[in-house]
Every structure is written in C-alpha cells, then in structure tokens.
Amino acid sequence: GQDPEAHVMYELGGNYAEFLTDIGIDDEAPPGSSATFQVWIDGQPEFDSGIMQAQSPVRHLRIGVAGAKILKLVVTDGGNGNLGDNTDWAGARLIAK
C-alpha cells in the first residue's frame, strides 16, 4: 500500500528562533481530501493540526525552535488514504536568532 506519511527533516544546528508557515489542503485537491500536519522538534511532537479537510481554512503557524537541532515536518493521510491529498506548507521559513 501507499505510505500514509510523508516527511522532510531540516538540520537547524540551534541557529534559529522561529519556524513560520501556513498549512492547508491545496485548492486543487479533490473533495474529500484530508491530511494531518505535524511539526516535530528534536524528536518530540510540537504541533499536530488534527485532521484538516479540503475545505478547512488555512492555519498560520509560528513555532519557537530556539536551540533546536532537528526540525521535522510530517504530513499523514488523515486516515483515508493519500490519493489526491495535495498539501501545502506555504511560505515556510526559519527566522534566525
């Protein structure tokens, strides 16, 4: 089957203060699309969006990462498979200390 999770990791080296991004399901995703967005810092869960639907409003995240070594961004399939789940981490950026 298809992997219910996709993730990307960034090595921060303790050099950043904040991680900012807007999260949501892409406007072009089919109706019924859903996903869960998670942010992990140094192996610990820092944020979980819960299930977001295609119609869910964009959410703005501002997460402190001071001293963090590893930032991991995770998207899961929302429990209904990942077919058509186009997810966006819009404007994702790190703010230096």
N, C-alpha and C. Protein backbone atom coordinates (compact mmCIF):
# COMPACT_ATOMS: atom_id res chain seq x y z
N GLY A 1 0.82 -1.19 0.00
CA GLY A 1 0.00 0.00 0.00
C GLY A 1 0.86 1.25 0.00
N GLN A 2 0.22 2.38 -0.10
CA GLN A 2 0.94 3.65 -0.11
C GLN A 2 1.29 4.07 1.31
N ASP A 3 2.42 4.73 1.45
CA ASP A 3 2.87 5.19 2.76
C ASP A 3 1.92 6.28 3.26
N PRO A 4 1.35 6.09 4.46
CA PRO A 4 0.41 7.09 4.98
C PRO A 4 1.10 8.35 5.52
N GLU A 5 2.44 8.39 5.45
CA GLU A 5 3.16 9.55 5.99
C GLU A 5 4.24 9.99 5.02
N ALA A 6 4.37 11.30 4.91
CA ALA A 6 5.49 11.89 4.18
C ALA A 6 6.15 12.89 5.12
N HIS A 7 7.47 12.96 5.07
CA HIS A 7 8.14 13.91 5.97
C HIS A 7 9.42 14.45 5.34
N VAL A 8 9.84 15.57 5.85
CA VAL A 8 11.12 16.17 5.46
C VAL A 8 11.78 16.68 6.74
N MET A 9 13.11 16.53 6.80
CA MET A 9 13.85 16.95 8.00
C MET A 9 14.86 18.02 7.65
N TYR A 10 15.02 18.97 8.56
CA TYR A 10 16.00 20.04 8.40
C TYR A 10 16.92 20.06 9.61
N GLU A 11 18.22 20.18 9.37
CA GLU A 11 19.18 20.34 10.46
C GLU A 11 19.30 21.82 10.78
N LEU A 12 18.91 22.20 11.99
CA LEU A 12 18.90 23.60 12.39
C LEU A 12 20.17 24.03 13.11
N GLY A 13 20.80 23.09 13.79
CA GLY A 13 22.03 23.40 14.49
C GLY A 13 21.89 24.44 15.58
N GLY A 14 20.66 24.63 16.07
CA GLY A 14 20.44 25.60 17.14
C GLY A 14 20.56 27.05 16.70
N ASN A 15 20.50 27.28 15.39
CA ASN A 15 20.76 28.63 14.86
C ASN A 15 19.51 29.47 14.61
N TYR A 16 18.34 28.94 14.90
CA TYR A 16 17.11 29.65 14.54
C TYR A 16 16.22 29.88 15.75
N ALA A 17 15.36 30.89 15.65
CA ALA A 17 14.47 31.24 16.75
C ALA A 17 13.05 30.74 16.51
N GLU A 18 12.56 30.87 15.26
CA GLU A 18 11.17 30.52 14.97
C GLU A 18 11.04 29.87 13.60
N PHE A 19 10.00 29.03 13.49
CA PHE A 19 9.58 28.45 12.21
C PHE A 19 8.18 28.97 11.93
N LEU A 20 8.00 29.57 10.76
CA LEU A 20 6.69 30.11 10.37
C LEU A 20 6.22 29.44 9.10
N THR A 21 4.92 29.18 9.00
CA THR A 21 4.35 28.61 7.78
C THR A 21 2.83 28.72 7.84
N ASP A 22 2.21 28.61 6.68
CA ASP A 22 0.76 28.48 6.57
C ASP A 22 0.49 27.08 6.05
N ILE A 23 -0.45 26.38 6.68
CA ILE A 23 -0.73 25.00 6.28
C ILE A 23 -2.15 24.86 5.78
N GLY A 24 -2.35 23.94 4.84
CA GLY A 24 -3.69 23.66 4.35
C GLY A 24 -3.66 22.67 3.21
N ILE A 25 -4.85 22.22 2.83
CA ILE A 25 -5.01 21.33 1.68
C ILE A 25 -5.07 22.20 0.43
N ASP A 26 -4.35 21.81 -0.60
CA ASP A 26 -4.29 22.59 -1.83
C ASP A 26 -5.68 22.76 -2.45
N ASP A 27 -5.92 23.94 -3.02
CA ASP A 27 -7.22 24.24 -3.64
C ASP A 27 -7.56 23.26 -4.76
N GLU A 28 -6.55 22.64 -5.37
CA GLU A 28 -6.79 21.74 -6.49
C GLU A 28 -7.03 20.30 -6.05
N ALA A 29 -6.96 20.04 -4.75
CA ALA A 29 -7.20 18.68 -4.25
C ALA A 29 -8.67 18.33 -4.43
N PRO A 30 -8.97 17.05 -4.72
CA PRO A 30 -10.37 16.66 -4.89
C PRO A 30 -11.17 16.77 -3.60
N PRO A 31 -12.49 16.96 -3.70
CA PRO A 31 -13.33 16.98 -2.50
C PRO A 31 -13.12 15.70 -1.69
N GLY A 32 -13.17 15.83 -0.39
CA GLY A 32 -12.96 14.67 0.48
C GLY A 32 -11.51 14.47 0.87
N SER A 33 -10.60 15.25 0.28
CA SER A 33 -9.19 15.14 0.66
C SER A 33 -9.02 15.58 2.11
N SER A 34 -8.14 14.90 2.82
CA SER A 34 -7.85 15.29 4.20
C SER A 34 -6.42 14.90 4.52
N ALA A 35 -5.86 15.57 5.50
CA ALA A 35 -4.49 15.29 5.92
C ALA A 35 -4.29 15.86 7.31
N THR A 36 -3.24 15.40 7.97
CA THR A 36 -2.83 15.92 9.26
C THR A 36 -1.40 16.45 9.13
N PHE A 37 -1.18 17.65 9.62
CA PHE A 37 0.15 18.27 9.60
C PHE A 37 0.75 18.18 11.00
N GLN A 38 2.02 17.80 11.05
CA GLN A 38 2.71 17.72 12.33
C GLN A 38 4.08 18.38 12.23
N VAL A 39 4.50 19.02 13.31
CA VAL A 39 5.84 19.58 13.42
C VAL A 39 6.51 18.91 14.61
N TRP A 40 7.68 18.33 14.37
CA TRP A 40 8.47 17.68 15.42
C TRP A 40 9.77 18.45 15.60
N ILE A 41 10.18 18.62 16.83
CA ILE A 41 11.44 19.28 17.14
C ILE A 41 12.28 18.35 17.99
N ASP A 42 13.47 18.02 17.49
CA ASP A 42 14.39 17.13 18.19
C ASP A 42 13.69 15.85 18.65
N GLY A 43 12.88 15.28 17.76
CA GLY A 43 12.23 14.00 18.03
C GLY A 43 10.99 14.07 18.88
N GLN A 44 10.56 15.26 19.27
CA GLN A 44 9.38 15.43 20.11
C GLN A 44 8.28 16.15 19.32
N PRO A 45 7.01 15.68 19.44
CA PRO A 45 5.92 16.36 18.74
C PRO A 45 5.68 17.75 19.33
N GLU A 46 5.68 18.75 18.48
CA GLU A 46 5.48 20.13 18.92
C GLU A 46 4.12 20.67 18.49
N PHE A 47 3.62 20.16 17.36
CA PHE A 47 2.34 20.64 16.84
C PHE A 47 1.67 19.53 16.06
N ASP A 48 0.34 19.40 16.21
CA ASP A 48 -0.47 18.47 15.42
C ASP A 48 -1.75 19.19 15.05
N SER A 49 -2.02 19.31 13.77
CA SER A 49 -3.18 20.07 13.30
C SER A 49 -4.50 19.34 13.51
N GLY A 50 -4.43 18.02 13.77
CA GLY A 50 -5.65 17.24 13.68
C GLY A 50 -6.02 17.13 12.20
N ILE A 51 -7.09 16.44 11.90
CA ILE A 51 -7.46 16.24 10.50
C ILE A 51 -7.98 17.55 9.90
N MET A 52 -7.33 17.96 8.81
CA MET A 52 -7.78 19.12 8.05
C MET A 52 -8.41 18.63 6.75
N GLN A 53 -9.53 19.19 6.40
CA GLN A 53 -10.25 18.82 5.19
C GLN A 53 -9.90 19.78 4.06
N ALA A 54 -10.30 19.41 2.84
CA ALA A 54 -10.06 20.28 1.68
C ALA A 54 -10.69 21.66 1.89
N GLN A 55 -11.78 21.73 2.63
CA GLN A 55 -12.47 22.99 2.84
C GLN A 55 -11.99 23.74 4.08
N SER A 56 -11.09 23.14 4.85
CA SER A 56 -10.62 23.78 6.08
C SER A 56 -9.87 25.07 5.75
N PRO A 57 -10.04 26.11 6.57
CA PRO A 57 -9.29 27.34 6.33
C PRO A 57 -7.80 27.13 6.58
N VAL A 58 -7.00 27.93 5.91
CA VAL A 58 -5.55 27.91 6.13
C VAL A 58 -5.26 28.26 7.58
N ARG A 59 -4.28 27.58 8.16
CA ARG A 59 -3.87 27.89 9.53
C ARG A 59 -2.46 28.46 9.49
N HIS A 60 -2.21 29.48 10.30
CA HIS A 60 -0.92 30.14 10.37
C HIS A 60 -0.17 29.62 11.59
N LEU A 61 1.03 29.10 11.39
CA LEU A 61 1.82 28.56 12.49
C LEU A 61 3.03 29.45 12.75
N ARG A 62 3.33 29.62 14.02
CA ARG A 62 4.56 30.30 14.47
C ARG A 62 5.06 29.45 15.64
N ILE A 63 6.15 28.73 15.42
CA ILE A 63 6.64 27.77 16.41
C ILE A 63 8.07 28.13 16.81
N GLY A 64 8.29 28.24 18.09
CA GLY A 64 9.63 28.52 18.60
C GLY A 64 10.55 27.32 18.41
N VAL A 65 11.73 27.57 17.85
CA VAL A 65 12.70 26.50 17.63
C VAL A 65 14.07 26.84 18.22
N ALA A 66 14.10 27.77 19.16
CA ALA A 66 15.37 28.20 19.76
C ALA A 66 16.11 27.00 20.35
N GLY A 67 17.35 26.83 19.96
CA GLY A 67 18.17 25.73 20.47
C GLY A 67 17.92 24.39 19.81
N ALA A 68 16.92 24.30 18.93
CA ALA A 68 16.57 23.03 18.30
C ALA A 68 17.64 22.60 17.29
N LYS A 69 17.88 21.30 17.23
CA LYS A 69 18.84 20.74 16.29
C LYS A 69 18.16 20.23 15.01
N ILE A 70 17.01 19.57 15.17
CA ILE A 70 16.32 18.95 14.03
C ILE A 70 14.86 19.37 13.99
N LEU A 71 14.43 19.86 12.84
CA LEU A 71 13.02 20.19 12.59
C LEU A 71 12.50 19.18 11.59
N LYS A 72 11.40 18.52 11.93
CA LYS A 72 10.81 17.52 11.04
C LYS A 72 9.37 17.91 10.76
N LEU A 73 9.04 18.04 9.48
CA LEU A 73 7.68 18.35 9.05
C LEU A 73 7.05 17.08 8.51
N VAL A 74 5.88 16.73 9.04
CA VAL A 74 5.21 15.48 8.70
C VAL A 74 3.81 15.76 8.19
N VAL A 75 3.42 15.04 7.15
CA VAL A 75 2.02 15.04 6.70
C VAL A 75 1.56 13.60 6.68
N THR A 76 0.42 13.32 7.32
CA THR A 76 -0.18 12.00 7.24
C THR A 76 -1.44 12.09 6.40
N ASP A 77 -1.97 10.95 6.02
CA ASP A 77 -3.08 10.92 5.06
C ASP A 77 -4.46 11.19 5.67
N GLY A 78 -4.52 11.53 6.94
CA GLY A 78 -5.82 11.81 7.57
C GLY A 78 -6.66 10.55 7.76
N GLY A 79 -6.03 9.39 7.56
CA GLY A 79 -6.73 8.12 7.82
C GLY A 79 -7.55 7.59 6.66
N ASN A 80 -7.60 8.33 5.52
CA ASN A 80 -8.45 7.87 4.42
C ASN A 80 -7.66 7.62 3.14
N GLY A 81 -6.36 7.39 3.28
CA GLY A 81 -5.52 7.18 2.10
C GLY A 81 -5.04 8.52 1.56
N ASN A 82 -3.92 8.47 0.81
CA ASN A 82 -3.32 9.73 0.39
C ASN A 82 -3.59 10.08 -1.07
N LEU A 83 -4.51 9.38 -1.71
CA LEU A 83 -4.82 9.66 -3.10
C LEU A 83 -5.41 11.07 -3.22
N GLY A 84 -4.73 11.93 -3.93
CA GLY A 84 -5.24 13.28 -4.16
C GLY A 84 -5.00 14.25 -3.03
N ASP A 85 -4.32 13.83 -1.97
CA ASP A 85 -4.07 14.73 -0.84
C ASP A 85 -2.90 15.66 -1.18
N ASN A 86 -3.19 16.79 -1.77
CA ASN A 86 -2.16 17.77 -2.09
C ASN A 86 -2.09 18.76 -0.95
N THR A 87 -0.99 18.72 -0.20
CA THR A 87 -0.88 19.56 0.99
C THR A 87 0.12 20.69 0.76
N ASP A 88 -0.10 21.79 1.45
CA ASP A 88 0.75 22.96 1.30
C ASP A 88 1.34 23.41 2.63
N TRP A 89 2.65 23.64 2.64
CA TRP A 89 3.35 24.35 3.71
C TRP A 89 3.74 25.69 3.08
N ALA A 90 2.80 26.58 2.95
CA ALA A 90 3.03 27.82 2.21
C ALA A 90 3.88 28.80 3.01
N GLY A 91 4.80 29.44 2.31
CA GLY A 91 5.63 30.46 2.94
C GLY A 91 6.48 29.96 4.08
N ALA A 92 6.80 28.66 4.10
CA ALA A 92 7.59 28.09 5.19
C ALA A 92 8.95 28.78 5.25
N ARG A 93 9.32 29.23 6.46
CA ARG A 93 10.60 29.92 6.61
C ARG A 93 11.08 29.83 8.06
N LEU A 94 12.38 29.92 8.20
CA LEU A 94 13.02 29.94 9.51
C LEU A 94 13.52 31.36 9.78
N ILE A 95 13.33 31.80 11.00
CA ILE A 95 13.78 33.11 11.44
C ILE A 95 15.03 32.91 12.30
N ALA A 96 16.12 33.55 11.92
CA ALA A 96 17.36 33.41 12.66
C ALA A 96 17.26 34.05 14.05
N LYS A 97 18.12 33.59 14.96
CA LYS A 97 18.14 34.14 16.32
C LYS A 97 18.51 35.61 16.30
